[in-house]
Amino acid sequence: MKRKDILLSMIRSGQPMTLGQQLRLTVILSMPSIIAQMSAVVMEYIDAAMVGSLGAAASASIGLVATTTWLFWGLVSSVSTGFAVQVAHCVGAGRNDDARSVVRQALVAAVSFSTLLAAAGCAVSGMLPVWLGGDSAICAGATSYFRIFALSLPFLQLYSLAGGMLRCSGNMLVPGIMGGAMCALDVVFNALLIFPTRTITVAGLTVCMPGAGLGVTGAALGTALSEAVAMTVLMWYLLRRSPELRLKATAGSFRLRRGCLRKALHIGLPMAGERVVLNCAQILTTVIVAPLGTAAIAANAFAITAEALCYMPGYGIAEAATALVGQSIGAGRRRLTRSFARITVGTGMVVMTLMAVVMYVLAPQMMAFFTPDETVCSLGVTALRTEAFAEPMFAAAIVTYGVFVGAGDTLIPCCMNLMSIWVVRLTLAALLAPTLGLHGVWIAMCVELCFRGTIFLVRLGRSFRQEG
């Protein structure tokens, strides 16, 4: 922590930084975020394995609404990012009082927005599985899961807001620790809520394990409870302990101000619009997969979860890129901004290439972890091995996007994402699914991710030349 603070102070004070110092700071900021992202993946793995043990129908009921939960999560994340990037710029410029003002306004906006979003989610939860083309056998479970998810959105919003602001202030450690803690809590709550009371054997001892036996509903409740606990701790740290952002010793207004709100909309609104259209595309992908059968739906959901092990390190590095680029821009250091952009993008591509090799080799074991169903496993292994070839360019898209977010430049990157997924992925998926089944859907995804990474790298290079 001390080394990290020294290096961050060099950005804010205008001191020159060597390449080694920049690399060191990138690693220091990236590692806690990567660990947090990987912990989230482990949570999803265990979550999916617990639900998978209940059968393919239970897995399919969650997989059916997964893309819609991503849509709502994307909207929540967009609100957080719109304010968190302003915090990065203020902290980088040494204006901590202005950063605290942003925190106050963000709390009001976040609570208001997430409450409205929760109400909307509850309103559509009954019909959503039907709209998505789900079989009647899985609709009840899907409705229950999504309704509980919707009710927990205020917790998720404040968790995202606190974590994003702490990361943009340069504190990756505390959000990383709480990400891991949330995963552990999720496992405990799931074990108590998903399964009925049962007898298990531990180290030769027979133990009676209590349980509520709620199935899919228990999985949703377990996740919601773990998010509520993690949110409470992060908000306490943000408001009471963060050196740059705590409100304990300062007074100020919580009234939304036009300038702050305008900047938040400038950054977050394109991201929110992108999430809506992007997740509508992902929902359409679910509609394309749904006619392929319950096994295909389950395999698609499991493969998406399994692939996260490969790409989540990229998102961890992207969060570091947003903080480094945001603070460098706030400090008025354009050359350092370009340097951090190159370092983070290159690091992300190397790390995700290594993870792709691991995913390709261990694909059978990864799918077997989720389900004993041989048909589902076979479909999932083919999907993962197809996707492995896209991971390096997927890394380029993920981390470059984080660079642009740190710069407050979100409109054009969002449009690039939308164009790529709607024009390339959905067109190919619709053409290939009738003949190649689920494999055709994942071939389309692989081609699209390679295309997306290429156009993001081209735009990043052009941005450098225009500023140089």
Protein backbone atom coordinates (compact mmCIF):
# COMPACT_ATOMS: atom_id res chain seq x y z
CA MET A 1 0.00 0.00 0.00
CA LYS A 2 2.83 2.41 0.86
CA ARG A 3 4.61 1.74 -2.44
CA LYS A 4 1.37 2.20 -4.31
CA ASP A 5 0.69 5.54 -2.61
CA ILE A 6 4.20 6.78 -3.41
CA LEU A 7 3.84 5.90 -7.08
CA LEU A 8 0.36 7.44 -7.33
CA SER A 9 1.66 10.62 -5.70
CA MET A 10 4.23 10.85 -8.51
CA ILE A 11 1.36 11.06 -11.03
CA ARG A 12 -0.45 13.76 -9.05
CA SER A 13 2.65 15.85 -8.32
CA GLY A 14 3.98 15.79 -11.90
CA GLN A 15 7.16 13.83 -11.12
CA PRO A 16 8.71 11.87 -14.01
CA MET A 17 8.14 8.11 -13.93
CA THR A 18 10.40 5.46 -15.44
CA LEU A 19 8.97 2.58 -17.47
CA GLY A 20 9.74 0.25 -14.58
CA GLN A 21 7.78 2.41 -12.16
CA GLN A 22 4.83 2.54 -14.54
CA LEU A 23 4.88 -1.24 -14.94
CA ARG A 24 5.16 -1.70 -11.19
CA LEU A 25 2.20 0.60 -10.51
CA THR A 26 0.15 -1.17 -13.19
CA VAL A 27 0.81 -4.52 -11.55
CA ILE A 28 0.15 -3.20 -8.03
CA LEU A 29 -3.23 -1.78 -9.07
CA SER A 30 -4.16 -4.69 -11.32
CA MET A 31 -3.48 -7.60 -8.98
CA PRO A 32 -6.15 -6.88 -6.31
CA SER A 33 -8.69 -6.19 -9.03
CA ILE A 34 -7.75 -9.38 -10.90
CA ILE A 35 -8.03 -11.38 -7.68
CA ALA A 36 -11.45 -9.84 -7.02
CA GLN A 37 -12.61 -10.64 -10.55
CA MET A 38 -11.28 -14.19 -10.30
CA SER A 39 -12.99 -14.59 -6.93
CA ALA A 40 -16.23 -13.56 -8.58
CA VAL A 41 -15.65 -16.23 -11.22
CA VAL A 42 -15.06 -18.83 -8.53
CA MET A 43 -18.33 -17.72 -6.92
CA GLU A 44 -20.12 -18.20 -10.24
CA TYR A 45 -18.47 -21.60 -10.68
CA ILE A 46 -19.62 -22.79 -7.27
CA ASP A 47 -23.02 -21.18 -7.74
CA ALA A 48 -23.48 -22.91 -11.09
CA ALA A 49 -22.20 -26.25 -9.75
CA MET A 50 -24.60 -26.11 -6.79
CA VAL A 51 -27.54 -25.34 -9.06
CA GLY A 52 -26.28 -27.80 -11.68
CA SER A 53 -26.50 -30.61 -9.15
CA LEU A 54 -30.27 -30.02 -9.12
CA GLY A 55 -30.50 -30.93 -12.82
CA ALA A 56 -30.44 -29.32 -16.27
CA ALA A 57 -33.86 -27.67 -15.78
CA ALA A 58 -32.66 -25.70 -12.76
CA SER A 59 -29.55 -24.56 -14.64
CA ALA A 60 -31.60 -23.61 -17.69
CA SER A 61 -34.00 -21.52 -15.59
CA ILE A 62 -31.10 -19.31 -14.45
CA GLY A 63 -29.42 -19.36 -17.85
CA LEU A 64 -32.63 -18.17 -19.49
CA VAL A 65 -32.67 -14.86 -17.59
CA ALA A 66 -28.88 -14.47 -17.33
CA THR A 67 -28.62 -11.98 -20.18
CA THR A 68 -31.39 -9.84 -18.67
CA THR A 69 -29.61 -9.75 -15.32
CA TRP A 70 -26.50 -8.59 -17.21
CA LEU A 71 -28.60 -5.81 -18.75
CA PHE A 72 -29.67 -4.55 -15.34
CA TRP A 73 -26.15 -4.96 -13.94
CA GLY A 74 -24.84 -2.94 -16.91
CA LEU A 75 -27.23 -0.09 -16.17
CA VAL A 76 -26.17 -0.08 -12.51
CA SER A 77 -22.50 -0.12 -13.51
CA SER A 78 -23.00 2.78 -15.93
CA VAL A 79 -24.35 5.01 -13.17
CA SER A 80 -21.39 4.13 -10.94
CA THR A 81 -18.86 4.77 -13.70
CA GLY A 82 -20.33 8.15 -14.59
CA PHE A 83 -19.46 9.43 -11.11
CA ALA A 84 -16.37 7.28 -10.39
CA VAL A 85 -14.43 8.64 -13.39
CA GLN A 86 -15.05 12.17 -12.09
CA VAL A 87 -13.54 11.06 -8.78
CA ALA A 88 -10.42 9.84 -10.63
CA HIS A 89 -10.03 13.19 -12.40
CA CYS A 90 -10.50 15.16 -9.17
CA VAL A 91 -8.09 13.00 -7.15
CA GLY A 92 -5.50 13.13 -9.94
CA ALA A 93 -5.69 16.92 -9.87
CA GLY A 94 -5.40 16.99 -6.06
CA ARG A 95 -8.96 18.33 -5.60
CA ASN A 96 -10.16 15.96 -2.87
CA ASP A 97 -12.93 18.28 -1.67
CA ASP A 98 -14.43 18.23 -5.16
CA ALA A 99 -14.12 14.43 -5.16
CA ARG A 100 -16.11 14.27 -1.91
CA SER A 101 -18.78 16.48 -3.43
CA VAL A 102 -19.07 13.99 -6.30
CA VAL A 103 -19.47 11.17 -3.76
CA ARG A 104 -22.39 12.94 -2.05
CA GLN A 105 -24.21 13.59 -5.30
CA ALA A 106 -23.54 10.07 -6.53
CA LEU A 107 -25.21 8.56 -3.47
CA VAL A 108 -28.43 10.45 -4.15
CA ALA A 109 -28.45 9.61 -7.85
CA ALA A 110 -27.54 5.94 -7.32
CA VAL A 111 -30.19 5.23 -4.68
CA SER A 112 -32.90 6.93 -6.74
CA PHE A 113 -32.00 5.17 -9.97
CA SER A 114 -31.60 1.68 -8.48
CA THR A 115 -34.93 1.91 -6.66
CA LEU A 116 -36.74 2.72 -9.90
CA LEU A 117 -34.86 -0.07 -11.70
CA ALA A 118 -35.81 -2.56 -8.98
CA ALA A 119 -39.48 -1.65 -9.36
CA ALA A 120 -39.26 -2.10 -13.14
CA GLY A 121 -37.57 -5.49 -12.75
CA CYS A 122 -40.24 -6.76 -10.37
CA ALA A 123 -42.97 -5.58 -12.74
CA VAL A 124 -41.65 -7.63 -15.70
CA SER A 125 -40.40 -10.69 -13.78
CA GLY A 126 -43.60 -12.68 -14.26
CA MET A 127 -43.65 -12.49 -18.06
CA LEU A 128 -39.93 -12.27 -18.80
CA PRO A 129 -39.25 -16.04 -19.14
CA VAL A 130 -42.22 -16.33 -21.51
CA TRP A 131 -40.96 -13.44 -23.63
CA LEU A 132 -37.57 -15.16 -23.85
CA GLY A 133 -39.14 -18.35 -25.20
CA GLY A 134 -38.48 -20.51 -22.15
CA ASP A 135 -40.13 -23.90 -21.71
CA SER A 136 -42.98 -23.98 -19.19
CA ALA A 137 -40.93 -26.36 -17.00
CA ILE A 138 -38.33 -23.67 -16.28
CA CYS A 139 -40.41 -20.47 -16.29
CA ALA A 140 -41.41 -20.57 -12.61
CA GLY A 141 -37.81 -20.92 -11.43
CA ALA A 142 -36.62 -18.22 -13.82
CA THR A 143 -39.30 -15.79 -12.57
CA SER A 144 -38.41 -16.39 -8.92
CA TYR A 145 -34.69 -15.96 -9.58
CA PHE A 146 -35.11 -12.72 -11.53
CA ARG A 147 -37.58 -11.17 -9.08
CA ILE A 148 -35.18 -11.61 -6.17
CA PHE A 149 -32.34 -10.27 -8.30
CA ALA A 150 -34.41 -7.17 -9.10
CA LEU A 151 -35.22 -6.52 -5.44
CA SER A 152 -31.51 -6.66 -4.58
CA LEU A 153 -30.55 -4.02 -7.16
CA PRO A 154 -30.14 -1.16 -4.60
CA PHE A 155 -27.55 -3.31 -2.78
CA LEU A 156 -25.80 -4.07 -6.05
CA GLN A 157 -25.85 -0.39 -7.07
CA LEU A 158 -24.22 0.84 -3.86
CA TYR A 159 -21.70 -2.02 -3.93
CA SER A 160 -20.73 -1.05 -7.48
CA LEU A 161 -20.60 2.66 -6.65
CA ALA A 162 -18.42 2.27 -3.54
CA GLY A 163 -16.06 -0.17 -5.24
CA GLY A 164 -15.74 1.97 -8.38
CA MET A 165 -14.98 5.15 -6.45
CA LEU A 166 -12.39 3.47 -4.24
CA ARG A 167 -10.67 1.95 -7.28
CA CYS A 168 -10.64 5.28 -9.13
CA SER A 169 -9.09 6.91 -6.06
CA GLY A 170 -6.30 4.33 -6.32
CA ASN A 171 -7.51 1.88 -3.66
CA MET A 172 -7.80 -1.49 -5.36
CA LEU A 173 -7.12 -3.53 -2.22
CA VAL A 174 -10.29 -2.99 -0.18
CA PRO A 175 -12.71 -3.65 -3.09
CA GLY A 176 -10.62 -6.71 -3.95
CA ILE A 177 -10.81 -8.08 -0.42
CA MET A 178 -14.55 -7.52 -0.26
CA GLY A 179 -15.00 -9.15 -3.65
CA GLY A 180 -13.38 -12.29 -2.28
CA ALA A 181 -15.38 -12.07 0.95
CA MET A 182 -18.61 -11.74 -1.01
CA CYS A 183 -17.77 -14.94 -2.90
CA ALA A 184 -17.15 -16.84 0.33
CA LEU A 185 -20.40 -15.59 1.81
CA ASP A 186 -22.26 -16.57 -1.34
CA VAL A 187 -21.04 -20.16 -1.01
CA VAL A 188 -22.14 -20.30 2.64
CA PHE A 189 -25.56 -18.78 1.99
CA ASN A 190 -26.12 -21.02 -1.03
CA ALA A 191 -25.23 -24.14 0.92
CA LEU A 192 -27.83 -23.17 3.52
CA LEU A 193 -30.56 -21.99 1.15
CA ILE A 194 -30.39 -24.13 -2.01
CA PHE A 195 -30.36 -27.62 -0.50
CA PRO A 196 -32.63 -29.24 2.10
CA THR A 197 -31.37 -30.42 5.48
CA ARG A 198 -29.05 -33.34 4.80
CA THR A 199 -26.35 -35.55 6.28
CA ILE A 200 -22.79 -35.06 4.99
CA THR A 201 -19.49 -36.73 5.86
CA VAL A 202 -16.49 -34.52 6.66
CA ALA A 203 -13.13 -36.12 7.57
CA GLY A 204 -14.89 -39.30 8.58
CA LEU A 205 -17.45 -37.50 10.73
CA THR A 206 -21.15 -37.49 9.94
CA VAL A 207 -22.64 -34.03 10.24
CA CYS A 208 -26.23 -32.85 9.89
CA MET A 209 -26.17 -29.86 7.51
CA PRO A 210 -29.24 -27.59 7.88
CA GLY A 211 -30.85 -26.27 4.74
CA ALA A 212 -33.93 -24.46 3.48
CA GLY A 213 -34.30 -26.51 0.27
CA LEU A 214 -35.27 -23.50 -1.86
CA GLY A 215 -33.45 -24.57 -5.03
CA VAL A 216 -33.12 -21.81 -7.64
CA THR A 217 -34.80 -19.33 -5.30
CA GLY A 218 -32.17 -20.11 -2.67
CA ALA A 219 -29.40 -19.35 -5.17
CA ALA A 220 -30.87 -15.90 -5.80
CA LEU A 221 -31.30 -15.20 -2.09
CA GLY A 222 -27.75 -16.32 -1.32
CA THR A 223 -26.29 -13.96 -3.89
CA ALA A 224 -28.46 -11.06 -2.70
CA LEU A 225 -27.47 -11.54 0.95
CA SER A 226 -23.75 -11.72 0.13
CA GLU A 227 -24.03 -8.52 -1.93
CA ALA A 228 -25.79 -6.75 0.95
CA VAL A 229 -23.02 -7.62 3.40
CA ALA A 230 -20.22 -6.61 1.00
CA MET A 231 -22.02 -3.36 0.12
CA THR A 232 -22.33 -2.42 3.79
CA VAL A 233 -18.62 -2.84 4.44
CA LEU A 234 -17.54 -1.00 1.27
CA MET A 235 -19.87 1.92 1.94
CA TRP A 236 -18.58 2.18 5.50
CA TYR A 237 -14.98 2.26 4.26
CA LEU A 238 -15.76 4.79 1.52
CA LEU A 239 -17.63 7.20 3.80
CA ARG A 240 -15.59 6.80 6.99
CA ARG A 241 -12.06 5.58 6.23
CA SER A 242 -10.95 6.51 2.69
CA PRO A 243 -8.27 9.26 2.99
CA GLU A 244 -9.38 10.94 -0.23
CA LEU A 245 -13.15 10.43 -0.12
CA ARG A 246 -14.39 10.00 3.47
CA LEU A 247 -17.19 12.32 4.56
CA LYS A 248 -16.75 11.86 8.32
CA ALA A 249 -14.93 15.13 9.03
CA THR A 250 -16.42 17.31 6.32
CA ALA A 251 -19.81 18.93 5.78
CA GLY A 252 -21.36 19.42 2.39
CA SER A 253 -24.53 19.38 0.35
CA PHE A 254 -26.08 16.23 -1.12
CA ARG A 255 -28.00 18.28 -3.68
CA LEU A 256 -27.39 17.25 -7.27
CA ARG A 257 -25.58 19.95 -9.23
CA ARG A 258 -25.95 20.52 -12.92
CA GLY A 259 -22.23 20.32 -13.75
CA CYS A 260 -21.63 17.04 -11.94
CA LEU A 261 -24.81 15.48 -13.29
CA ARG A 262 -23.99 16.61 -16.82
CA LYS A 263 -20.55 14.99 -16.65
CA ALA A 264 -22.03 11.81 -15.19
CA LEU A 265 -24.54 11.68 -18.04
CA HIS A 266 -21.81 12.42 -20.60
CA ILE A 267 -19.81 9.42 -19.35
CA GLY A 268 -22.54 7.06 -18.17
CA LEU A 269 -25.40 7.65 -20.60
CA PRO A 270 -23.59 6.23 -23.66
CA MET A 271 -22.56 3.25 -21.51
CA ALA A 272 -26.14 2.75 -20.33
CA GLY A 273 -27.45 3.00 -23.88
CA GLU A 274 -24.80 0.55 -25.00
CA ARG A 275 -25.74 -1.88 -22.23
CA VAL A 276 -29.40 -1.73 -23.17
CA VAL A 277 -28.78 -2.38 -26.85
CA LEU A 278 -25.91 -4.82 -26.20
CA ASN A 279 -27.91 -6.87 -23.75
CA CYS A 280 -30.91 -6.79 -26.04
CA ALA A 281 -28.55 -8.43 -28.52
CA GLN A 282 -27.50 -10.97 -25.89
CA ILE A 283 -31.16 -11.62 -25.10
CA LEU A 284 -31.71 -12.16 -28.82
CA THR A 285 -28.82 -14.62 -28.70
CA THR A 286 -30.68 -16.45 -25.93
CA VAL A 287 -33.75 -16.51 -28.16
CA ILE A 288 -31.59 -18.04 -30.92
CA VAL A 289 -30.25 -20.68 -28.51
CA ALA A 290 -33.59 -21.48 -26.80
CA PRO A 291 -35.07 -23.52 -29.72
CA LEU A 292 -31.95 -25.73 -29.65
CA GLY A 293 -33.24 -27.38 -26.45
CA THR A 294 -32.69 -27.49 -22.72
CA ALA A 295 -29.25 -29.10 -23.08
CA ALA A 296 -28.08 -26.28 -25.37
CA ILE A 297 -29.43 -23.59 -23.01
CA ALA A 298 -27.68 -25.19 -20.03
CA ALA A 299 -24.43 -25.74 -21.97
CA ASN A 300 -24.48 -22.15 -23.22
CA ALA A 301 -24.96 -20.81 -19.67
CA PHE A 302 -22.23 -23.05 -18.24
CA ALA A 303 -19.79 -22.21 -21.04
CA ILE A 304 -20.34 -18.47 -20.50
CA THR A 305 -19.62 -18.93 -16.80
CA ALA A 306 -16.56 -21.09 -17.52
CA GLU A 307 -15.16 -18.60 -20.03
CA ALA A 308 -15.24 -15.90 -17.37
CA LEU A 309 -12.19 -17.55 -15.80
CA CYS A 310 -10.31 -16.52 -18.93
CA TYR A 311 -11.54 -12.97 -19.48
CA MET A 312 -12.06 -11.67 -15.95
CA PRO A 313 -8.33 -10.88 -15.53
CA GLY A 314 -8.80 -8.56 -18.50
CA TYR A 315 -11.55 -6.70 -16.69
CA GLY A 316 -9.31 -6.42 -13.63
CA ILE A 317 -6.56 -4.83 -15.72
CA ALA A 318 -9.16 -2.60 -17.40
CA GLU A 319 -10.18 -1.24 -13.99
CA ALA A 320 -6.55 -0.40 -13.29
CA ALA A 321 -6.34 1.25 -16.72
CA THR A 322 -9.37 3.42 -15.95
CA ALA A 323 -7.84 4.59 -12.66
CA LEU A 324 -4.36 5.23 -14.11
CA VAL A 325 -5.58 7.01 -17.22
CA GLY A 326 -8.19 8.98 -15.26
CA GLN A 327 -5.70 10.23 -12.70
CA SER A 328 -3.07 10.98 -15.36
CA ILE A 329 -5.58 13.08 -17.30
CA GLY A 330 -6.68 14.82 -14.10
CA ALA A 331 -3.03 15.68 -13.47
CA GLY A 332 -2.70 17.03 -17.03
CA ARG A 333 -0.06 14.45 -18.05
CA ARG A 334 -0.92 13.40 -21.62
CA ARG A 335 2.34 11.56 -22.37
CA LEU A 336 2.01 9.48 -19.22
CA THR A 337 -1.61 8.77 -20.18
CA ARG A 338 -0.51 7.27 -23.50
CA SER A 339 2.19 5.24 -21.80
CA PHE A 340 -0.21 3.72 -19.26
CA ALA A 341 -2.64 2.94 -22.09
CA ARG A 342 -0.01 0.94 -24.00
CA ILE A 343 1.22 -0.86 -20.88
CA THR A 344 -2.23 -1.92 -19.66
CA VAL A 345 -3.46 -3.07 -23.09
CA GLY A 346 -0.31 -5.09 -23.72
CA THR A 347 -0.46 -6.65 -20.27
CA GLY A 348 -4.09 -7.62 -20.73
CA MET A 349 -3.44 -9.32 -24.07
CA VAL A 350 -0.53 -11.34 -22.67
CA VAL A 351 -2.43 -12.47 -19.57
CA MET A 352 -5.60 -13.46 -21.46
CA THR A 353 -3.59 -15.34 -24.09
CA LEU A 354 -2.09 -17.48 -21.32
CA MET A 355 -5.54 -17.99 -19.81
CA ALA A 356 -6.91 -19.04 -23.22
CA VAL A 357 -4.35 -21.84 -23.41
CA VAL A 358 -5.44 -23.04 -19.96
CA MET A 359 -9.10 -22.90 -20.98
CA TYR A 360 -8.52 -24.88 -24.18
CA VAL A 361 -6.61 -27.65 -22.39
CA LEU A 362 -8.88 -27.91 -19.34
CA ALA A 363 -12.24 -27.38 -21.07
CA PRO A 364 -13.51 -30.95 -20.33
CA GLN A 365 -12.66 -30.64 -16.64
CA MET A 366 -14.23 -27.18 -16.43
CA MET A 367 -17.53 -28.36 -17.87
CA ALA A 368 -17.53 -31.54 -15.77
CA PHE A 369 -17.30 -29.34 -12.69
CA PHE A 370 -20.69 -27.84 -13.48
CA THR A 371 -22.74 -30.85 -14.51
CA PRO A 372 -22.54 -34.63 -14.89
CA ASP A 373 -24.74 -34.50 -18.01
CA GLU A 374 -22.56 -35.79 -20.87
CA THR A 375 -24.55 -34.04 -23.59
CA VAL A 376 -24.29 -30.67 -21.87
CA CYS A 377 -20.57 -31.23 -21.22
CA SER A 378 -19.83 -32.09 -24.84
CA LEU A 379 -21.60 -29.00 -26.17
CA GLY A 380 -19.85 -26.79 -23.62
CA VAL A 381 -16.35 -28.14 -24.34
CA THR A 382 -16.76 -27.40 -28.06
CA ALA A 383 -17.93 -23.88 -27.26
CA LEU A 384 -15.02 -23.14 -24.92
CA ARG A 385 -12.36 -24.44 -27.31
CA THR A 386 -13.83 -22.36 -30.11
CA GLU A 387 -13.83 -19.24 -27.96
CA ALA A 388 -10.23 -19.71 -26.79
CA PHE A 389 -8.95 -18.43 -30.14
CA ALA A 390 -10.68 -15.07 -29.61
CA GLU A 391 -9.34 -14.27 -26.14
CA PRO A 392 -6.24 -12.18 -27.11
CA MET A 393 -8.34 -9.78 -29.18
CA PHE A 394 -11.11 -9.85 -26.59
CA ALA A 395 -8.47 -8.61 -24.13
CA ALA A 396 -7.60 -5.78 -26.50
CA ALA A 397 -11.25 -4.69 -26.61
CA ILE A 398 -11.77 -4.97 -22.84
CA VAL A 399 -8.68 -3.05 -21.70
CA THR A 400 -8.81 -0.44 -24.46
CA TYR A 401 -12.40 0.25 -23.46
CA GLY A 402 -11.18 0.78 -19.89
CA VAL A 403 -8.62 3.28 -21.20
CA PHE A 404 -11.32 5.25 -23.02
CA VAL A 405 -13.57 5.22 -19.94
CA GLY A 406 -10.75 6.68 -17.84
CA ALA A 407 -10.46 9.45 -20.39
CA GLY A 408 -14.21 10.12 -20.18
CA ASP A 409 -14.52 9.07 -23.84
CA THR A 410 -17.43 6.61 -23.94
CA LEU A 411 -19.75 7.54 -26.81
CA ILE A 412 -17.72 6.29 -29.80
CA PRO A 413 -16.41 3.13 -28.03
CA CYS A 414 -19.98 2.26 -27.06
CA CYS A 415 -21.11 2.67 -30.65
CA MET A 416 -18.22 0.45 -31.77
CA ASN A 417 -19.31 -2.27 -29.36
CA LEU A 418 -22.89 -2.11 -30.58
CA MET A 419 -21.98 -2.15 -34.24
CA SER A 420 -19.71 -5.13 -33.73
CA ILE A 421 -22.16 -7.31 -31.84
CA TRP A 422 -25.28 -6.44 -33.86
CA VAL A 423 -23.78 -6.49 -37.33
CA VAL A 424 -21.22 -9.28 -36.94
CA ARG A 425 -22.21 -11.59 -34.06
CA LEU A 426 -25.98 -11.71 -34.41
CA THR A 427 -25.92 -11.96 -38.18
CA LEU A 428 -23.49 -14.87 -38.10
CA ALA A 429 -25.28 -16.56 -35.19
CA ALA A 430 -28.63 -16.42 -36.97
CA LEU A 431 -27.04 -17.88 -40.11
CA LEU A 432 -25.03 -20.63 -38.42
CA ALA A 433 -27.30 -21.82 -35.58
CA PRO A 434 -29.85 -23.68 -37.77
CA THR A 435 -27.12 -25.88 -39.29
CA LEU A 436 -24.34 -25.97 -36.66
CA GLY A 437 -26.42 -25.60 -33.51
CA LEU A 438 -24.73 -24.15 -30.42
CA HIS A 439 -21.31 -24.51 -32.04
CA GLY A 440 -22.40 -22.08 -34.75
CA VAL A 441 -23.46 -19.51 -32.13
CA TRP A 442 -20.00 -19.67 -30.51
CA ILE A 443 -18.20 -19.50 -33.86
CA ALA A 444 -20.08 -16.25 -34.46
CA MET A 445 -19.00 -14.99 -31.04
CA CYS A 446 -15.34 -15.84 -31.75
CA VAL A 447 -15.31 -14.01 -35.09
CA GLU A 448 -17.03 -10.96 -33.59
CA LEU A 449 -14.63 -10.64 -30.66
CA CYS A 450 -11.62 -10.74 -33.00
CA PHE A 451 -13.22 -8.01 -35.10
CA ARG A 452 -14.04 -5.92 -32.04
CA GLY A 453 -10.50 -6.11 -30.66
CA THR A 454 -9.09 -5.03 -34.01
CA ILE A 455 -11.23 -1.90 -34.35
CA PHE A 456 -10.50 -0.87 -30.74
CA LEU A 457 -6.75 -1.16 -31.29
CA VAL A 458 -7.05 0.87 -34.50
CA ARG A 459 -8.93 3.66 -32.71
CA LEU A 460 -6.45 3.69 -29.83
CA GLY A 461 -3.56 4.04 -32.29
CA ARG A 462 -5.31 6.89 -34.10
CA SER A 463 -5.95 8.67 -30.79
CA PHE A 464 -2.23 8.53 -30.02
CA ARG A 465 -1.30 9.97 -33.42
CA GLN A 466 -3.84 12.81 -33.11
CA GLU A 467 -2.50 13.78 -29.67
CA GLY A 468 1.14 13.25 -30.58
